[in-house]
PDB file of N, CA and C in Angstrom:
ATOM      1  N   MET A   1      30.816  -8.151 -50.827  1.00  0.00           N
ATOM      2  CA  MET A   1      29.635  -7.737 -49.831  1.00  0.00           C
ATOM      3  C   MET A   1      28.372  -8.844 -49.900  1.00  0.00           C
ATOM      4  N   VAL A   2      28.327  -9.578 -51.164  1.00  0.00           N
ATOM      5  CA  VAL A   2      27.537 -10.726 -51.177  1.00  0.00           C
ATOM      6  C   VAL A   2      27.594 -11.727 -50.349  1.00  0.00           C
ATOM      7  N   ARG A   3      28.873 -12.081 -49.723  1.00  0.00           N
ATOM      8  CA  ARG A   3      28.976 -13.029 -48.627  1.00  0.00           C
ATOM      9  C   ARG A   3      28.521 -12.411 -47.408  1.00  0.00           C
ATOM     10  N   ASP A   4      28.073 -11.174 -47.144  1.00  0.00           N
ATOM     11  CA  ASP A   4      27.848 -10.731 -45.701  1.00  0.00           C
ATOM     12  C   ASP A   4      26.314 -10.968 -45.427  1.00  0.00           C
ATOM     13  N   ILE A   5      25.517 -11.320 -46.666  1.00  0.00           N
ATOM     14  CA  ILE A   5      24.171 -11.234 -46.633  1.00  0.00           C
ATOM     15  C   ILE A   5      23.722 -12.209 -45.410  1.00  0.00           C
ATOM     16  N   PRO A   6      24.212 -13.607 -45.269  1.00  0.00           N
ATOM     17  CA  PRO A   6      23.722 -14.515 -44.275  1.00  0.00           C
ATOM     18  C   PRO A   6      24.112 -13.873 -42.940  1.00  0.00           C
ATOM     19  N   ALA A   7      25.322 -13.246 -42.701  1.00  0.00           N
ATOM     20  CA  ALA A   7      25.632 -12.590 -41.390  1.00  0.00           C
ATOM     21  C   ALA A   7      24.346 -11.619 -41.242  1.00  0.00           C
ATOM     22  N   ILE A   8      24.239 -10.891 -42.035  1.00  0.00           N
ATOM     23  CA  ILE A   8      23.139  -9.642 -41.857  1.00  0.00           C
ATOM     24  C   ILE A   8      21.748 -10.163 -41.563  1.00  0.00           C
ATOM     25  N   LYS A   9      21.409 -11.539 -42.116  1.00  0.00           N
ATOM     26  CA  LYS A   9      20.263 -12.139 -41.979  1.00  0.00           C
ATOM     27  C   LYS A   9      20.079 -12.508 -40.782  1.00  0.00           C
ATOM     28  N   GLN A  10      21.210 -13.232 -40.161  1.00  0.00           N
ATOM     29  CA  GLN A  10      21.316 -13.720 -38.770  1.00  0.00           C
ATOM     30  C   GLN A  10      21.141 -12.719 -37.702  1.00  0.00           C
ATOM     31  N   LEU A  11      21.701 -11.470 -38.178  1.00  0.00           N
ATOM     32  CA  LEU A  11      21.693 -10.366 -36.935  1.00  0.00           C
ATOM     33  C   LEU A  11      20.151  -9.851 -37.115  1.00  0.00           C
ATOM     34  N   GLU A  12      19.448  -9.802 -38.120  1.00  0.00           N
ATOM     35  CA  GLU A  12      18.050  -9.395 -38.226  1.00  0.00           C
ATOM     36  C   GLU A  12      17.231 -10.538 -37.357  1.00  0.00           C
ATOM     37  N   VAL A  13      17.564 -11.760 -37.435  1.00  0.00           N
ATOM     38  CA  VAL A  13      16.894 -12.834 -36.538  1.00  0.00           C
ATOM     39  C   VAL A  13      17.000 -12.450 -35.125  1.00  0.00           C
ATOM     40  N   LEU A  14      18.392 -12.356 -34.772  1.00  0.00           N
ATOM     41  CA  LEU A  14      18.634 -12.147 -33.420  1.00  0.00           C
ATOM     42  C   LEU A  14      18.135 -10.704 -32.702  1.00  0.00           C
ATOM     43  N   CYS A  15      18.187  -9.744 -33.515  1.00  0.00           N
ATOM     44  CA  CYS A  15      17.478  -8.394 -33.225  1.00  0.00           C
ATOM     45  C   CYS A  15      15.852  -8.592 -33.084  1.00  0.00           C
ATOM     46  N   ARG A  16      15.098  -9.392 -33.864  1.00  0.00           N
ATOM     47  CA  ARG A  16      13.919  -9.350 -33.799  1.00  0.00           C
ATOM     48  C   ARG A  16      13.503 -10.467 -32.683  1.00  0.00           C
ATOM     49  N   PHE A  17      14.366 -11.498 -32.252  1.00  0.00           N
ATOM     50  CA  PHE A  17      14.272 -12.306 -30.907  1.00  0.00           C
ATOM     51  C   PHE A  17      14.448 -11.676 -29.868  1.00  0.00           C
ATOM     52  N   ARG A  18      15.351 -10.485 -29.470  1.00  0.00           N
ATOM     53  CA  ARG A  18      15.616  -9.678 -28.582  1.00  0.00           C
ATOM     54  C   ARG A  18      14.578  -8.657 -28.310  1.00  0.00           C
ATOM     55  N   GLU A  19      13.885  -8.200 -29.364  1.00  0.00           N
ATOM     56  CA  GLU A  19      12.732  -7.268 -29.331  1.00  0.00           C
ATOM     57  C   GLU A  19      11.529  -8.067 -29.013  1.00  0.00           C
ATOM     58  N   GLU A  20      11.278  -9.403 -29.345  1.00  0.00           N
ATOM     59  CA  GLU A  20      10.114 -10.195 -28.918  1.00  0.00           C
ATOM     60  C   GLU A  20      10.343 -10.552 -27.425  1.00  0.00           C
ATOM     61  N   LEU A  21      11.639 -10.750 -27.001  1.00  0.00           N
ATOM     62  CA  LEU A  21      11.889 -11.237 -25.594  1.00  0.00           C
ATOM     63  C   LEU A  21      11.450 -10.086 -24.763  1.00  0.00           C
ATOM     64  N   TYR A  22      12.104  -8.813 -25.244  1.00  0.00           N
ATOM     65  CA  TYR A  22      11.885  -7.750 -24.312  1.00  0.00           C
ATOM     66  C   TYR A  22      10.291  -7.437 -24.101  1.00  0.00           C
ATOM     67  N   GLY A  23       9.687  -7.654 -25.245  1.00  0.00           N
ATOM     68  CA  GLY A  23       8.368  -7.359 -25.211  1.00  0.00           C
ATOM     69  C   GLY A  23       7.569  -8.243 -24.088  1.00  0.00           C
ATOM     70  N   CYS A  24       8.033  -9.703 -23.844  1.00  0.00           N
ATOM     71  CA  CYS A  24       7.510 -10.363 -23.015  1.00  0.00           C
ATOM     72  C   CYS A  24       7.465 -10.125 -21.630  1.00  0.00           C
ATOM     73  N   LEU A  25       8.596  -9.056 -21.253  1.00  0.00           N
ATOM     74  CA  LEU A  25       8.679  -8.823 -19.952  1.00  0.00           C
ATOM     75  C   LEU A  25       7.828  -7.603 -19.512  1.00  0.00           C
ATOM     76  N   THR A  26       7.298  -7.612 -18.314  1.00  0.00           N
ATOM     77  CA  THR A  26       6.246  -6.799 -18.013  1.00  0.00           C
ATOM     78  C   THR A  26       7.057  -5.701 -17.103  1.00  0.00           C
ATOM     79  N   ARG A  27       7.086  -5.990 -15.833  1.00  0.00           N
ATOM     80  CA  ARG A  27       7.726  -5.133 -14.720  1.00  0.00           C
ATOM     81  C   ARG A  27       9.146  -5.287 -14.661  1.00  0.00           C
ATOM     82  N   ARG A  28      10.008  -4.190 -14.503  1.00  0.00           N
ATOM     83  CA  ARG A  28      11.396  -3.865 -14.472  1.00  0.00           C
ATOM     84  C   ARG A  28      11.956  -4.687 -15.691  1.00  0.00           C
ATOM     85  N   ALA A  29      11.547  -4.466 -16.915  1.00  0.00           N
ATOM     86  CA  ALA A  29      11.910  -4.856 -18.235  1.00  0.00           C
ATOM     87  C   ALA A  29      13.357  -4.672 -18.546  1.00  0.00           C
ATOM     88  N   ASP A  30      13.732  -3.444 -18.145  1.00  0.00           N
ATOM     89  CA  ASP A  30      15.154  -3.092 -18.520  1.00  0.00           C
ATOM     90  C   ASP A  30      15.981  -4.145 -17.861  1.00  0.00           C
ATOM     91  N   ALA A  31      15.914  -4.114 -16.196  1.00  0.00           N
ATOM     92  CA  ALA A  31      16.635  -4.727 -15.489  1.00  0.00           C
ATOM     93  C   ALA A  31      16.868  -6.181 -15.789  1.00  0.00           C
ATOM     94  N   LEU A  32      15.798  -6.894 -16.135  1.00  0.00           N
ATOM     95  CA  LEU A  32      15.732  -8.260 -16.303  1.00  0.00           C
ATOM     96  C   LEU A  32      16.222  -8.435 -17.626  1.00  0.00           C
ATOM     97  N   PHE A  33      16.117  -7.569 -18.613  1.00  0.00           N
ATOM     98  CA  PHE A  33      16.852  -7.776 -19.949  1.00  0.00           C
ATOM     99  C   PHE A  33      18.167  -7.844 -19.905  1.00  0.00           C
ATOM    100  N   GLU A  34      18.797  -6.735 -19.126  1.00  0.00           N
ATOM    101  CA  GLU A  34      20.202  -6.735 -18.795  1.00  0.00           C
ATOM    102  C   GLU A  34      20.791  -7.846 -17.934  1.00  0.00           C
ATOM    103  N   LEU A  35      20.073  -8.553 -17.160  1.00  0.00           N
ATOM    104  CA  LEU A  35      20.352  -9.594 -16.318  1.00  0.00           C
ATOM    105  C   LEU A  35      20.356 -10.963 -17.447  1.00  0.00           C
ATOM    106  N   ALA A  36      19.601 -10.979 -18.147  1.00  0.00           N
ATOM    107  CA  ALA A  36      19.579 -12.015 -19.354  1.00  0.00           C
ATOM    108  C   ALA A  36      20.880 -11.965 -20.279  1.00  0.00           C
ATOM    109  N   ASP A  37      21.047 -10.595 -20.702  1.00  0.00           N
ATOM    110  CA  ASP A  37      22.378 -10.306 -21.322  1.00  0.00           C
ATOM    111  C   ASP A  37      23.707 -11.015 -20.609  1.00  0.00           C
ATOM    112  N   ALA A  38      23.853 -10.579 -19.153  1.00  0.00           N
ATOM    113  CA  ALA A  38      24.642 -10.821 -18.628  1.00  0.00           C
ATOM    114  C   ALA A  38      24.892 -12.326 -18.168  1.00  0.00           C
ATOM    115  N   VAL A  39      23.942 -13.046 -18.178  1.00  0.00           N
ATOM    116  CA  VAL A  39      23.873 -14.638 -17.857  1.00  0.00           C
ATOM    117  C   VAL A  39      24.505 -15.191 -19.322  1.00  0.00           C
ATOM    118  N   LEU A  40      24.021 -14.639 -20.269  1.00  0.00           N
ATOM    119  CA  LEU A  40      24.592 -15.076 -21.795  1.00  0.00           C
ATOM    120  C   LEU A  40      25.875 -14.920 -22.159  1.00  0.00           C
ATOM    121  N   CYS A  41      26.438 -13.813 -21.391  1.00  0.00           N
ATOM    122  CA  CYS A  41      27.836 -13.326 -21.570  1.00  0.00           C
ATOM    123  C   CYS A  41      28.987 -13.467 -20.670  1.00  0.00           C
ATOM    124  N   THR A  42      28.482 -13.986 -19.438  1.00  0.00           N
ATOM    125  CA  THR A  42      29.374 -14.072 -18.383  1.00  0.00           C
ATOM    126  C   THR A  42      30.229 -15.527 -18.531  1.00  0.00           C
ATOM    127  N   ASP A  43      31.322 -15.471 -18.110  1.00  0.00           N
ATOM    128  CA  ASP A  43      32.343 -16.605 -18.295  1.00  0.00           C
ATOM    129  C   ASP A  43      32.021 -17.461 -16.833  1.00  0.00           C
ATOM    130  N   GLY A  44      31.764 -18.612 -17.254  1.00  0.00           N
ATOM    131  CA  GLY A  44      31.517 -19.783 -16.127  1.00  0.00           C
ATOM    132  C   GLY A  44      30.302 -19.731 -15.761  1.00  0.00           C
ATOM    133  N   PRO A  45      29.988 -20.649 -14.594  1.00  0.00           N
ATOM    134  CA  PRO A  45      28.669 -20.668 -14.208  1.00  0.00           C
ATOM    135  C   PRO A  45      28.259 -19.332 -13.414  1.00  0.00           C
ATOM    136  N   VAL A  46      26.851 -19.113 -13.252  1.00  0.00           N
ATOM    137  CA  VAL A  46      26.191 -18.058 -12.617  1.00  0.00           C
ATOM    138  C   VAL A  46      25.984 -18.704 -11.156  1.00  0.00           C
ATOM    139  N   ARG A  47      26.363 -18.210 -10.120  1.00  0.00           N
ATOM    140  CA  ARG A  47      26.045 -18.726  -8.727  1.00  0.00           C
ATOM    141  C   ARG A  47      24.965 -18.040  -7.916  1.00  0.00           C
ATOM    142  N   ASP A  48      24.795 -16.607  -8.291  1.00  0.00           N
ATOM    143  CA  ASP A  48      23.870 -15.857  -7.525  1.00  0.00           C
ATOM    144  C   ASP A  48      23.549 -14.639  -8.498  1.00  0.00           C
ATOM    145  N   LEU A  49      22.382 -14.043  -8.076  1.00  0.00           N
ATOM    146  CA  LEU A  49      22.152 -12.816  -8.857  1.00  0.00           C
ATOM    147  C   LEU A  49      22.957 -11.564  -8.327  1.00  0.00           C
ATOM    148  N   VAL A  50      23.529 -11.740  -7.331  1.00  0.00           N
ATOM    149  CA  VAL A  50      24.482 -10.711  -6.699  1.00  0.00           C
ATOM    150  C   VAL A  50      25.563 -10.557  -7.426  1.00  0.00           C
ATOM    151  N   GLY A  51      26.104 -11.681  -7.680  1.00  0.00           N
ATOM    152  CA  GLY A  51      27.609 -11.712  -8.532  1.00  0.00           C
ATOM    153  C   GLY A  51      27.247 -11.341  -9.996  1.00  0.00           C
ATOM    154  N   LEU A  52      26.152 -11.720 -10.456  1.00  0.00           N
ATOM    155  CA  LEU A  52      25.748 -11.473 -11.791  1.00  0.00           C
ATOM    156  C   LEU A  52      25.566 -10.079 -12.121  1.00  0.00           C
ATOM    157  N   SER A  53      24.970  -9.363 -11.121  1.00  0.00           N
ATOM    158  CA  SER A  53      24.649  -7.863 -11.324  1.00  0.00           C
ATOM    159  C   SER A  53      26.133  -7.116 -11.402  1.00  0.00           C
ATOM    160  N   LEU A  54      27.313  -7.794 -10.853  1.00  0.00           N
ATOM    161  CA  LEU A  54      28.664  -7.291 -11.107  1.00  0.00           C
ATOM    162  C   LEU A  54      29.191  -7.437 -12.432  1.00  0.00           C
ATOM    163  N   ALA A  55      28.652  -8.233 -13.172  1.00  0.00           N
ATOM    164  CA  ALA A  55      29.183  -8.481 -14.489  1.00  0.00           C
ATOM    165  C   ALA A  55      29.258  -7.372 -15.476  1.00  0.00           C
ATOM    166  N   PRO A  56      30.233  -6.924 -16.154  1.00  0.00           N
ATOM    167  CA  PRO A  56      30.339  -5.761 -17.136  1.00  0.00           C
ATOM    168  C   PRO A  56      29.102  -5.781 -17.950  1.00  0.00           C
ATOM    169  N   GLU A  57      28.417  -6.847 -18.422  1.00  0.00           N
ATOM    170  CA  GLU A  57      27.315  -6.654 -19.385  1.00  0.00           C
ATOM    171  C   GLU A  57      26.207  -6.166 -18.738  1.00  0.00           C
ATOM    172  N   HIS A  58      25.960  -6.191 -17.501  1.00  0.00           N
ATOM    173  CA  HIS A  58      24.761  -5.617 -16.499  1.00  0.00           C
ATOM    174  C   HIS A  58      25.202  -4.255 -16.159  1.00  0.00           C
ATOM    175  N   ARG A  59      24.675  -3.215 -16.990  1.00  0.00           N
ATOM    176  CA  ARG A  59      25.035  -1.954 -16.928  1.00  0.00           C
ATOM    177  C   ARG A  59      24.344  -1.155 -15.818  1.00  0.00           C
ATOM    178  N   ARG A  60      23.177  -1.834 -15.228  1.00  0.00           N
ATOM    179  CA  ARG A  60      22.740  -1.039 -13.976  1.00  0.00           C
ATOM    180  C   ARG A  60      23.417  -1.423 -12.778  1.00  0.00           C
ATOM    181  N   ARG A  61      23.861  -0.434 -12.221  1.00  0.00           N
ATOM    182  CA  ARG A  61      24.729  -0.463 -10.967  1.00  0.00           C
ATOM    183  C   ARG A  61      23.986   0.047  -9.611  1.00  0.00           C
ATOM    184  N   ARG A  62      24.070  -0.433  -8.687  1.00  0.00           N
ATOM    185  CA  ARG A  62      23.526   0.114  -7.603  1.00  0.00           C
ATOM    186  C   ARG A  62      24.518   1.207  -6.928  1.00  0.00           C
ATOM    187  N   LEU A  63      23.954   2.457  -6.841  1.00  0.00           N
ATOM    188  CA  LEU A  63      24.977   3.692  -6.615  1.00  0.00           C
ATOM    189  C   LEU A  63      24.628   3.805  -4.832  1.00  0.00           C
ATOM    190  N   TRP A  64      25.665   3.691  -4.273  1.00  0.00           N
ATOM    191  CA  TRP A  64      25.479   3.954  -2.624  1.00  0.00           C
ATOM    192  C   TRP A  64      25.950   5.217  -2.250  1.00  0.00           C
TER     193      TRP A  64
END
């Protein structure tokens, strides 16, 4: 269990960063934050926002 302390500390830093990033977003914070997650998690280059919004990490879907 002692060897997991660095990983836990790293997770705390990541969580704090995500909270601070979210706090910087004003309008449409949820959608922008999910787009940021999709950019970071998508395989390959991002060519446009439309394609990015179809990534599994981007949970908001347009319902037609």
